Amino acid sequence: MMIYTADYIMTREVAQAFRITTPAVAYFFSNLAGIVDLTQLSEGDDEYDYFVRVPVDGFHELTQRISDLKFKVQDQFGVYITIMPIPVAA
């Protein structure tokens, strides 16, 4: 594996954003893995960062747990990650 780096100047604001969002996203996904099957995750569009397919029979409970996680990340890191659960047949 080869990794290339480019010499560039990162603004202070961009560097700060990376320092905040990187741990927030890592925290979000590590906790989301305990709630839903991450293989069912897909990139969102427009106002949603992600979509996730969840079984319709557990939709209400999973939606509540995902919302709780989103608010926890927002409170702890100041980062708002949007995810929309999509109900599917079990």
PDB file of N, CA and C in Angstrom:
ATOM      1  N   MET A   1       0.838  -1.164   0.000  1.00  0.00           N
ATOM      2  CA  MET A   1       0.000   0.000   0.000  1.00  0.00           C
ATOM      3  C   MET A   1       0.887   1.232   0.000  1.00  0.00           C
ATOM      4  N   MET A   2       0.510   2.197  -0.806  1.00  0.00           N
ATOM      5  CA  MET A   2       1.270   3.443  -0.864  1.00  0.00           C
ATOM      6  C   MET A   2       0.358   4.586  -0.466  1.00  0.00           C
ATOM      7  N   ILE A   3       0.869   5.465   0.333  1.00  0.00           N
ATOM      8  CA  ILE A   3       0.118   6.632   0.760  1.00  0.00           C
ATOM      9  C   ILE A   3       0.880   7.861   0.315  1.00  0.00           C
ATOM     10  N   TYR A   4       0.192   8.743  -0.355  1.00  0.00           N
ATOM     11  CA  TYR A   4       0.804   9.977  -0.813  1.00  0.00           C
ATOM     12  C   TYR A   4       0.224  11.145  -0.032  1.00  0.00           C
ATOM     13  N   THR A   5       1.038  12.089   0.253  1.00  0.00           N
ATOM     14  CA  THR A   5       0.544  13.296   0.905  1.00  0.00           C
ATOM     15  C   THR A   5       0.858  14.485   0.014  1.00  0.00           C
ATOM     16  N   ALA A   6       0.044  15.471   0.115  1.00  0.00           N
ATOM     17  CA  ALA A   6       0.263  16.696  -0.647  1.00  0.00           C
ATOM     18  C   ALA A   6       0.609  17.802   0.349  1.00  0.00           C
ATOM     19  N   ASP A   7       1.533  18.622  -0.029  1.00  0.00           N
ATOM     20  CA  ASP A   7       1.856  19.761   0.820  1.00  0.00           C
ATOM     21  C   ASP A   7       0.825  20.843   0.574  1.00  0.00           C
ATOM     22  N   TYR A   8       0.110  21.171   1.581  1.00  0.00           N
ATOM     23  CA  TYR A   8      -0.871  22.235   1.482  1.00  0.00           C
ATOM     24  C   TYR A   8      -1.038  22.873   2.841  1.00  0.00           C
ATOM     25  N   ILE A   9      -1.545  24.042   2.836  1.00  0.00           N
ATOM     26  CA  ILE A   9      -1.780  24.769   4.068  1.00  0.00           C
ATOM     27  C   ILE A   9      -3.255  24.632   4.422  1.00  0.00           C
ATOM     28  N   MET A  10      -3.524  24.095   5.586  1.00  0.00           N
ATOM     29  CA  MET A  10      -4.891  23.954   6.050  1.00  0.00           C
ATOM     30  C   MET A  10      -5.209  25.144   6.951  1.00  0.00           C
ATOM     31  N   THR A  11      -6.336  25.760   6.699  1.00  0.00           N
ATOM     32  CA  THR A  11      -6.705  26.889   7.548  1.00  0.00           C
ATOM     33  C   THR A  11      -6.996  26.392   8.958  1.00  0.00           C
ATOM     34  N   ARG A  12      -6.894  27.275   9.886  1.00  0.00           N
ATOM     35  CA  ARG A  12      -7.140  26.943  11.289  1.00  0.00           C
ATOM     36  C   ARG A  12      -8.572  26.436  11.482  1.00  0.00           C
ATOM     37  N   GLU A  13      -9.518  27.032  10.758  1.00  0.00           N
ATOM     38  CA  GLU A  13     -10.920  26.642  10.893  1.00  0.00           C
ATOM     39  C   GLU A  13     -11.154  25.213  10.386  1.00  0.00           C
ATOM     40  N   VAL A  14     -10.513  24.877   9.260  1.00  0.00           N
ATOM     41  CA  VAL A  14     -10.665  23.527   8.708  1.00  0.00           C
ATOM     42  C   VAL A  14     -10.014  22.509   9.642  1.00  0.00           C
ATOM     43  N   ALA A  15      -8.865  22.817  10.161  1.00  0.00           N
ATOM     44  CA  ALA A  15      -8.188  21.913  11.096  1.00  0.00           C
ATOM     45  C   ALA A  15      -9.040  21.701  12.348  1.00  0.00           C
ATOM     46  N   GLN A  16      -9.653  22.745  12.851  1.00  0.00           N
ATOM     47  CA  GLN A  16     -10.519  22.640  14.029  1.00  0.00           C
ATOM     48  C   GLN A  16     -11.739  21.772  13.718  1.00  0.00           C
ATOM     49  N   ALA A  17     -12.307  21.933  12.524  1.00  0.00           N
ATOM     50  CA  ALA A  17     -13.463  21.131  12.133  1.00  0.00           C
ATOM     51  C   ALA A  17     -13.098  19.647  12.100  1.00  0.00           C
ATOM     52  N   PHE A  18     -11.922  19.313  11.577  1.00  0.00           N
ATOM     53  CA  PHE A  18     -11.483  17.917  11.562  1.00  0.00           C
ATOM     54  C   PHE A  18     -11.279  17.381  12.970  1.00  0.00           C
ATOM     55  N   ARG A  19     -10.724  18.192  13.846  1.00  0.00           N
ATOM     56  CA  ARG A  19     -10.505  17.744  15.229  1.00  0.00           C
ATOM     57  C   ARG A  19     -11.820  17.489  15.949  1.00  0.00           C
ATOM     58  N   ILE A  20     -12.872  18.175  15.565  1.00  0.00           N
ATOM     59  CA  ILE A  20     -14.174  17.985  16.201  1.00  0.00           C
ATOM     60  C   ILE A  20     -14.956  16.855  15.536  1.00  0.00           C
ATOM     61  N   THR A  21     -15.021  16.862  14.206  1.00  0.00           N
ATOM     62  CA  THR A  21     -15.881  15.895  13.519  1.00  0.00           C
ATOM     63  C   THR A  21     -15.334  14.475  13.514  1.00  0.00           C
ATOM     64  N   THR A  22     -14.027  14.316  13.450  1.00  0.00           N
ATOM     65  CA  THR A  22     -13.462  12.964  13.388  1.00  0.00           C
ATOM     66  C   THR A  22     -13.837  12.126  14.607  1.00  0.00           C
ATOM     67  N   PRO A  23     -13.621  12.596  15.839  1.00  0.00           N
ATOM     68  CA  PRO A  23     -14.045  11.773  16.975  1.00  0.00           C
ATOM     69  C   PRO A  23     -15.563  11.641  17.078  1.00  0.00           C
ATOM     70  N   ALA A  24     -16.306  12.658  16.638  1.00  0.00           N
ATOM     71  CA  ALA A  24     -17.768  12.586  16.688  1.00  0.00           C
ATOM     72  C   ALA A  24     -18.284  11.491  15.759  1.00  0.00           C
ATOM     73  N   VAL A  25     -17.753  11.431  14.551  1.00  0.00           N
ATOM     74  CA  VAL A  25     -18.175  10.414  13.587  1.00  0.00           C
ATOM     75  C   VAL A  25     -17.754   9.022  14.074  1.00  0.00           C
ATOM     76  N   ALA A  26     -16.553   8.899  14.603  1.00  0.00           N
ATOM     77  CA  ALA A  26     -16.093   7.604  15.130  1.00  0.00           C
ATOM     78  C   ALA A  26     -16.997   7.142  16.278  1.00  0.00           C
ATOM     79  N   TYR A  27     -17.325   8.042  17.171  1.00  0.00           N
ATOM     80  CA  TYR A  27     -18.210   7.727  18.293  1.00  0.00           C
ATOM     81  C   TYR A  27     -19.585   7.312  17.779  1.00  0.00           C
ATOM     82  N   PHE A  28     -20.103   8.084  16.816  1.00  0.00           N
ATOM     83  CA  PHE A  28     -21.418   7.809  16.260  1.00  0.00           C
ATOM     84  C   PHE A  28     -21.474   6.400  15.665  1.00  0.00           C
ATOM     85  N   PHE A  29     -20.514   6.062  14.804  1.00  0.00           N
ATOM     86  CA  PHE A  29     -20.547   4.756  14.153  1.00  0.00           C
ATOM     87  C   PHE A  29     -20.268   3.608  15.111  1.00  0.00           C
ATOM     88  N   SER A  30     -19.397   3.803  16.066  1.00  0.00           N
ATOM     89  CA  SER A  30     -19.131   2.716  17.008  1.00  0.00           C
ATOM     90  C   SER A  30     -20.370   2.412  17.845  1.00  0.00           C
ATOM     91  N   ASN A  31     -21.149   3.431  18.170  1.00  0.00           N
ATOM     92  CA  ASN A  31     -22.382   3.211  18.926  1.00  0.00           C
ATOM     93  C   ASN A  31     -23.544   2.785  18.026  1.00  0.00           C
ATOM     94  N   LEU A  32     -23.570   3.256  16.792  1.00  0.00           N
ATOM     95  CA  LEU A  32     -24.619   2.862  15.857  1.00  0.00           C
ATOM     96  C   LEU A  32     -24.525   1.372  15.542  1.00  0.00           C
ATOM     97  N   ALA A  33     -23.322   0.835  15.540  1.00  0.00           N
ATOM     98  CA  ALA A  33     -23.120  -0.589  15.249  1.00  0.00           C
ATOM     99  C   ALA A  33     -23.837  -1.476  16.259  1.00  0.00           C
ATOM    100  N   GLY A  34     -24.043  -0.984  17.465  1.00  0.00           N
ATOM    101  CA  GLY A  34     -24.779  -1.740  18.466  1.00  0.00           C
ATOM    102  C   GLY A  34     -26.289  -1.627  18.321  1.00  0.00           C
ATOM    103  N   ILE A  35     -26.734  -0.762  17.420  1.00  0.00           N
ATOM    104  CA  ILE A  35     -28.166  -0.538  17.240  1.00  0.00           C
ATOM    105  C   ILE A  35     -28.672  -1.173  15.948  1.00  0.00           C
ATOM    106  N   VAL A  36     -27.942  -0.967  14.855  1.00  0.00           N
ATOM    107  CA  VAL A  36     -28.375  -1.467  13.542  1.00  0.00           C
ATOM    108  C   VAL A  36     -27.228  -2.205  12.861  1.00  0.00           C
ATOM    109  N   ASP A  37     -27.576  -2.904  11.800  1.00  0.00           N
ATOM    110  CA  ASP A  37     -26.590  -3.584  10.968  1.00  0.00           C
ATOM    111  C   ASP A  37     -25.965  -2.551  10.029  1.00  0.00           C
ATOM    112  N   LEU A  38     -24.694  -2.244  10.215  1.00  0.00           N
ATOM    113  CA  LEU A  38     -24.050  -1.200   9.421  1.00  0.00           C
ATOM    114  C   LEU A  38     -23.911  -1.558   7.947  1.00  0.00           C
ATOM    115  N   THR A  39     -24.093  -2.816   7.599  1.00  0.00           N
ATOM    116  CA  THR A  39     -24.067  -3.162   6.172  1.00  0.00           C
ATOM    117  C   THR A  39     -25.300  -2.620   5.464  1.00  0.00           C
ATOM    118  N   GLN A  40     -26.306  -2.215   6.220  1.00  0.00           N
ATOM    119  CA  GLN A  40     -27.530  -1.649   5.655  1.00  0.00           C
ATOM    120  C   GLN A  40     -27.461  -0.127   5.529  1.00  0.00           C
ATOM    121  N   LEU A  41     -26.307   0.444   5.813  1.00  0.00           N
ATOM    122  CA  LEU A  41     -26.104   1.890   5.767  1.00  0.00           C
ATOM    123  C   LEU A  41     -25.762   2.329   4.355  1.00  0.00           C
ATOM    124  N   SER A  42     -26.337   3.448   3.934  1.00  0.00           N
ATOM    125  CA  SER A  42     -25.989   4.010   2.635  1.00  0.00           C
ATOM    126  C   SER A  42     -25.894   5.522   2.755  1.00  0.00           C
ATOM    127  N   GLU A  43     -25.222   6.113   1.791  1.00  0.00           N
ATOM    128  CA  GLU A  43     -25.053   7.556   1.795  1.00  0.00           C
ATOM    129  C   GLU A  43     -26.393   8.217   1.523  1.00  0.00           C
ATOM    130  N   GLY A  44     -26.677   9.255   2.284  1.00  0.00           N
ATOM    131  CA  GLY A  44     -27.933   9.970   2.123  1.00  0.00           C
ATOM    132  C   GLY A  44     -27.879  10.969   0.981  1.00  0.00           C
ATOM    133  N   ASP A  45     -28.918  11.752   0.890  1.00  0.00           N
ATOM    134  CA  ASP A  45     -28.967  12.813  -0.108  1.00  0.00           C
ATOM    135  C   ASP A  45     -29.544  14.073   0.539  1.00  0.00           C
ATOM    136  N   ASP A  46     -29.307  15.178  -0.060  1.00  0.00           N
ATOM    137  CA  ASP A  46     -29.806  16.469   0.402  1.00  0.00           C
ATOM    138  C   ASP A  46     -29.588  16.686   1.898  1.00  0.00           C
ATOM    139  N   GLU A  47     -30.664  16.553   2.695  1.00  0.00           N
ATOM    140  CA  GLU A  47     -30.515  16.917   4.103  1.00  0.00           C
ATOM    141  C   GLU A  47     -30.077  15.774   5.006  1.00  0.00           C
ATOM    142  N   TYR A  48     -29.934  14.566   4.474  1.00  0.00           N
ATOM    143  CA  TYR A  48     -29.529  13.430   5.303  1.00  0.00           C
ATOM    144  C   TYR A  48     -28.115  12.986   4.954  1.00  0.00           C
ATOM    145  N   ASP A  49     -27.322  12.744   6.008  1.00  0.00           N
ATOM    146  CA  ASP A  49     -25.973  12.228   5.793  1.00  0.00           C
ATOM    147  C   ASP A  49     -26.011  10.753   5.416  1.00  0.00           C
ATOM    148  N   TYR A  50     -26.928  10.005   6.051  1.00  0.00           N
ATOM    149  CA  TYR A  50     -26.997   8.556   5.847  1.00  0.00           C
ATOM    150  C   TYR A  50     -28.432   8.075   5.860  1.00  0.00           C
ATOM    151  N   PHE A  51     -28.664   6.955   5.180  1.00  0.00           N
ATOM    152  CA  PHE A  51     -29.902   6.183   5.272  1.00  0.00           C
ATOM    153  C   PHE A  51     -29.507   4.826   5.846  1.00  0.00           C
ATOM    154  N   VAL A  52     -30.410   4.218   6.597  1.00  0.00           N
ATOM    155  CA  VAL A  52     -30.167   2.863   7.080  1.00  0.00           C
ATOM    156  C   VAL A  52     -31.479   2.087   7.012  1.00  0.00           C
ATOM    157  N   ARG A  53     -31.406   0.885   6.425  1.00  0.00           N
ATOM    158  CA  ARG A  53     -32.588   0.037   6.363  1.00  0.00           C
ATOM    159  C   ARG A  53     -32.725  -0.722   7.682  1.00  0.00           C
ATOM    160  N   VAL A  54     -33.930  -0.681   8.247  1.00  0.00           N
ATOM    161  CA  VAL A  54     -34.202  -1.393   9.499  1.00  0.00           C
ATOM    162  C   VAL A  54     -35.477  -2.220   9.333  1.00  0.00           C
ATOM    163  N   PRO A  55     -35.572  -3.343  10.032  1.00  0.00           N
ATOM    164  CA  PRO A  55     -36.784  -4.168   9.939  1.00  0.00           C
ATOM    165  C   PRO A  55     -38.005  -3.389  10.424  1.00  0.00           C
ATOM    166  N   VAL A  56     -39.103  -3.523   9.707  1.00  0.00           N
ATOM    167  CA  VAL A  56     -40.304  -2.769  10.033  1.00  0.00           C
ATOM    168  C   VAL A  56     -40.853  -3.140  11.409  1.00  0.00           C
ATOM    169  N   ASP A  57     -40.653  -4.389  11.835  1.00  0.00           N
ATOM    170  CA  ASP A  57     -41.195  -4.791  13.126  1.00  0.00           C
ATOM    171  C   ASP A  57     -40.474  -4.145  14.304  1.00  0.00           C
ATOM    172  N   GLY A  58     -39.274  -3.630  14.115  1.00  0.00           N
ATOM    173  CA  GLY A  58     -38.554  -2.935  15.188  1.00  0.00           C
ATOM    174  C   GLY A  58     -38.318  -1.473  14.875  1.00  0.00           C
ATOM    175  N   PHE A  59     -39.045  -0.964  13.882  1.00  0.00           N
ATOM    176  CA  PHE A  59     -38.803   0.392  13.386  1.00  0.00           C
ATOM    177  C   PHE A  59     -38.927   1.461  14.469  1.00  0.00           C
ATOM    178  N   HIS A  60     -40.010   1.411  15.236  1.00  0.00           N
ATOM    179  CA  HIS A  60     -40.238   2.453  16.242  1.00  0.00           C
ATOM    180  C   HIS A  60     -39.121   2.471  17.288  1.00  0.00           C
ATOM    181  N   GLU A  61     -38.783   1.315  17.815  1.00  0.00           N
ATOM    182  CA  GLU A  61     -37.731   1.233  18.845  1.00  0.00           C
ATOM    183  C   GLU A  61     -36.372   1.664  18.287  1.00  0.00           C
ATOM    184  N   LEU A  62     -36.028   1.188  17.088  1.00  0.00           N
ATOM    185  CA  LEU A  62     -34.733   1.537  16.497  1.00  0.00           C
ATOM    186  C   LEU A  62     -34.653   3.026  16.152  1.00  0.00           C
ATOM    187  N   THR A  63     -35.758   3.590  15.679  1.00  0.00           N
ATOM    188  CA  THR A  63     -35.784   5.023  15.380  1.00  0.00           C
ATOM    189  C   THR A  63     -35.517   5.829  16.643  1.00  0.00           C
ATOM    190  N   GLN A  64     -36.119   5.415  17.753  1.00  0.00           N
ATOM    191  CA  GLN A  64     -35.902   6.118  19.024  1.00  0.00           C
ATOM    192  C   GLN A  64     -34.449   5.990  19.479  1.00  0.00           C
ATOM    193  N   ARG A  65     -33.877   4.818  19.368  1.00  0.00           N
ATOM    194  CA  ARG A  65     -32.485   4.622  19.783  1.00  0.00           C
ATOM    195  C   ARG A  65     -31.519   5.412  18.903  1.00  0.00           C
ATOM    196  N   ILE A  66     -31.794   5.473  17.603  1.00  0.00           N
ATOM    197  CA  ILE A  66     -30.955   6.259  16.690  1.00  0.00           C
ATOM    198  C   ILE A  66     -31.066   7.738  17.030  1.00  0.00           C
ATOM    199  N   SER A  67     -32.274   8.208  17.299  1.00  0.00           N
ATOM    200  CA  SER A  67     -32.466   9.616  17.677  1.00  0.00           C
ATOM    201  C   SER A  67     -31.725   9.947  18.964  1.00  0.00           C
ATOM    202  N   ASP A  68     -31.797   9.062  19.938  1.00  0.00           N
ATOM    203  CA  ASP A  68     -31.072   9.277  21.185  1.00  0.00           C
ATOM    204  C   ASP A  68     -29.568   9.405  20.927  1.00  0.00           C
ATOM    205  N   LEU A  69     -29.045   8.553  20.050  1.00  0.00           N
ATOM    206  CA  LEU A  69     -27.624   8.609  19.719  1.00  0.00           C
ATOM    207  C   LEU A  69     -27.275   9.916  19.013  1.00  0.00           C
ATOM    208  N   LYS A  70     -28.112  10.343  18.066  1.00  0.00           N
ATOM    209  CA  LYS A  70     -27.864  11.609  17.363  1.00  0.00           C
ATOM    210  C   LYS A  70     -27.793  12.774  18.345  1.00  0.00           C
ATOM    211  N   PHE A  71     -28.738  12.815  19.282  1.00  0.00           N
ATOM    212  CA  PHE A  71     -28.749  13.909  20.253  1.00  0.00           C
ATOM    213  C   PHE A  71     -27.561  13.834  21.200  1.00  0.00           C
ATOM    214  N   LYS A  72     -27.146  12.630  21.553  1.00  0.00           N
ATOM    215  CA  LYS A  72     -25.983  12.471  22.418  1.00  0.00           C
ATOM    216  C   LYS A  72     -24.724  12.988  21.726  1.00  0.00           C
ATOM    217  N   VAL A  73     -24.558  12.664  20.448  1.00  0.00           N
ATOM    218  CA  VAL A  73     -23.408  13.160  19.683  1.00  0.00           C
ATOM    219  C   VAL A  73     -23.464  14.677  19.575  1.00  0.00           C
ATOM    220  N   GLN A  74     -24.654  15.199  19.339  1.00  0.00           N
ATOM    221  CA  GLN A  74     -24.796  16.654  19.224  1.00  0.00           C
ATOM    222  C   GLN A  74     -24.449  17.342  20.542  1.00  0.00           C
ATOM    223  N   ASP A  75     -24.919  16.790  21.652  1.00  0.00           N
ATOM    224  CA  ASP A  75     -24.614  17.381  22.959  1.00  0.00           C
ATOM    225  C   ASP A  75     -23.143  17.262  23.320  1.00  0.00           C
ATOM    226  N   GLN A  76     -22.570  16.096  23.078  1.00  0.00           N
ATOM    227  CA  GLN A  76     -21.195  15.827  23.501  1.00  0.00           C
ATOM    228  C   GLN A  76     -20.154  16.486  22.598  1.00  0.00           C
ATOM    229  N   PHE A  77     -20.404  16.510  21.278  1.00  0.00           N
ATOM    230  CA  PHE A  77     -19.399  16.989  20.332  1.00  0.00           C
ATOM    231  C   PHE A  77     -19.781  18.275  19.614  1.00  0.00           C
ATOM    232  N   GLY A  78     -21.058  18.644  19.670  1.00  0.00           N
ATOM    233  CA  GLY A  78     -21.510  19.810  18.927  1.00  0.00           C
ATOM    234  C   GLY A  78     -21.597  19.546  17.432  1.00  0.00           C
ATOM    235  N   VAL A  79     -21.744  18.279  17.056  1.00  0.00           N
ATOM    236  CA  VAL A  79     -21.825  17.874  15.655  1.00  0.00           C
ATOM    237  C   VAL A  79     -23.182  17.219  15.442  1.00  0.00           C
ATOM    238  N   TYR A  80     -23.890  17.654  14.416  1.00  0.00           N
ATOM    239  CA  TYR A  80     -25.201  17.090  14.114  1.00  0.00           C
ATOM    240  C   TYR A  80     -25.075  16.162  12.911  1.00  0.00           C
ATOM    241  N   ILE A  81     -25.252  14.867  13.144  1.00  0.00           N
ATOM    242  CA  ILE A  81     -25.192  13.859  12.090  1.00  0.00           C
ATOM    243  C   ILE A  81     -26.621  13.413  11.817  1.00  0.00           C
ATOM    244  N   THR A  82     -27.044  13.516  10.573  1.00  0.00           N
ATOM    245  CA  THR A  82     -28.409  13.137  10.241  1.00  0.00           C
ATOM    246  C   THR A  82     -28.435  11.751   9.616  1.00  0.00           C
ATOM    247  N   ILE A  83     -29.384  10.950  10.065  1.00  0.00           N
ATOM    248  CA  ILE A  83     -29.545   9.596   9.541  1.00  0.00           C
ATOM    249  C   ILE A  83     -31.035   9.290   9.509  1.00  0.00           C
ATOM    250  N   MET A  84     -31.470   8.718   8.409  1.00  0.00           N
ATOM    251  CA  MET A  84     -32.892   8.383   8.271  1.00  0.00           C
ATOM    252  C   MET A  84     -33.065   6.878   8.201  1.00  0.00           C
ATOM    253  N   PRO A  85     -33.773   6.308   9.186  1.00  0.00           N
ATOM    254  CA  PRO A  85     -34.093   4.894   9.102  1.00  0.00           C
ATOM    255  C   PRO A  85     -35.171   4.657   8.048  1.00  0.00           C
ATOM    256  N   ILE A  86     -34.988   3.629   7.239  1.00  0.00           N
ATOM    257  CA  ILE A  86     -35.933   3.254   6.196  1.00  0.00           C
ATOM    258  C   ILE A  86     -36.498   1.883   6.573  1.00  0.00           C
ATOM    259  N   PRO A  87     -37.808   1.785   6.822  1.00  0.00           N
ATOM    260  CA  PRO A  87     -38.379   0.471   7.209  1.00  0.00           C
ATOM    261  C   PRO A  87     -38.417  -0.479   6.011  1.00  0.00           C
ATOM    262  N   VAL A  88     -38.010  -1.723   6.259  1.00  0.00           N
ATOM    263  CA  VAL A  88     -38.048  -2.766   5.242  1.00  0.00           C
ATOM    264  C   VAL A  88     -38.659  -4.014   5.831  1.00  0.00           C
ATOM    265  N   ALA A  89     -39.172  -4.880   4.990  1.00  0.00           N
ATOM    266  CA  ALA A  89     -39.751  -6.144   5.462  1.00  0.00           C
ATOM    267  C   ALA A  89     -38.679  -6.952   6.167  1.00  0.00           C
ATOM    268  N   ALA A  90     -39.059  -7.576   7.265  1.00  0.00           N
ATOM    269  CA  ALA A  90     -38.100  -8.349   8.063  1.00  0.00           C
ATOM    270  C   ALA A  90     -37.688  -9.625   7.384  1.00  0.00           C
TER     271      ALA A  90
END
